[in-house]
Amino acid sequence: MNSAGYGFYGAVEDVPTAAAREQLEVNLLAVTQLFQAILPIMRRQRSGEIVNVSSTGGKSAEPLGG
């Protein structure tokens, strides 16, 4: 089970590119890396489950949530 993730809030023009990139690394690419690490093991075992927990933060807009 994985549920890592975070939001970086502020006006879009004020958010440093490095901070936005780090957020993408954690919220998107880390999940991909987890799958790449665990799927070969699950295939060898012929079993396993992956449970992703998310929030509704991506479905609703908030002030300074750009």
Protein backbone atom coordinates (compact mmCIF):
# COMPACT_ATOMS: atom_id res chain seq x y z
CA MET A 1 0.00 0.00 0.00
CA ASN A 2 1.28 3.45 -0.78
CA SER A 3 -0.15 6.83 -0.04
CA ALA A 4 2.75 9.29 -0.27
CA GLY A 5 2.02 12.65 -1.74
CA TYR A 6 1.81 16.31 -0.97
CA GLY A 7 0.65 19.63 -2.35
CA PHE A 8 2.71 22.75 -2.86
CA TYR A 9 0.51 25.81 -2.64
CA GLY A 10 1.09 29.29 -3.95
CA ALA A 11 0.54 31.43 -7.00
CA VAL A 12 1.80 29.56 -10.06
CA GLU A 13 4.31 32.28 -10.90
CA ASP A 14 5.74 32.10 -7.35
CA VAL A 15 6.26 28.34 -7.12
CA PRO A 16 9.91 27.53 -7.90
CA THR A 17 10.35 25.10 -10.76
CA ALA A 18 12.48 22.87 -8.53
CA ALA A 19 9.62 22.61 -6.02
CA ALA A 20 7.11 21.74 -8.74
CA ARG A 21 9.50 19.12 -10.15
CA GLU A 22 10.00 17.59 -6.70
CA GLN A 23 6.24 17.40 -6.21
CA LEU A 24 5.89 15.53 -9.52
CA GLU A 25 8.70 13.18 -8.48
CA VAL A 26 6.91 12.28 -5.25
CA ASN A 27 3.30 12.27 -6.43
CA LEU A 28 3.73 10.62 -9.83
CA LEU A 29 7.13 9.13 -10.52
CA ALA A 30 7.61 7.51 -7.11
CA VAL A 31 4.48 5.43 -7.75
CA THR A 32 5.92 4.31 -11.08
CA GLN A 33 9.21 3.37 -9.43
CA LEU A 34 7.33 1.37 -6.81
CA PHE A 35 5.52 -0.58 -9.53
CA GLN A 36 8.76 -1.24 -11.38
CA ALA A 37 10.36 -2.58 -8.20
CA ILE A 38 7.51 -4.78 -7.00
CA LEU A 39 5.91 -6.13 -10.19
CA PRO A 40 8.75 -8.56 -11.05
CA ILE A 41 8.45 -10.06 -7.56
CA MET A 42 4.69 -10.33 -7.84
CA ARG A 43 5.03 -12.02 -11.24
CA ARG A 44 7.47 -14.60 -9.81
CA GLN A 45 5.10 -15.26 -6.91
CA ARG A 46 2.10 -15.23 -9.25
CA SER A 47 0.24 -13.20 -6.66
CA GLY A 48 0.09 -9.88 -4.87
CA GLU A 49 -1.89 -6.70 -4.62
CA ILE A 50 -1.05 -3.06 -5.04
CA VAL A 51 -3.30 -0.57 -3.28
CA ASN A 52 -2.96 3.10 -4.11
CA VAL A 53 -4.53 5.62 -1.78
CA SER A 54 -5.15 9.08 -3.11
CA SER A 55 -7.01 12.20 -2.14
CA THR A 56 -9.66 14.29 -3.80
CA GLY A 57 -7.20 17.20 -3.95
CA GLY A 58 -6.76 16.73 -7.69
CA LYS A 59 -10.49 16.96 -8.33
CA SER A 60 -11.20 20.26 -6.67
CA ALA A 61 -9.65 23.68 -7.06
CA GLU A 62 -8.50 25.77 -4.13
CA PRO A 63 -7.15 29.30 -3.99
CA LEU A 64 -3.40 29.30 -4.60
CA GLY A 65 -3.54 25.60 -5.51
CA GLY A 66 -2.07 26.11 -8.97
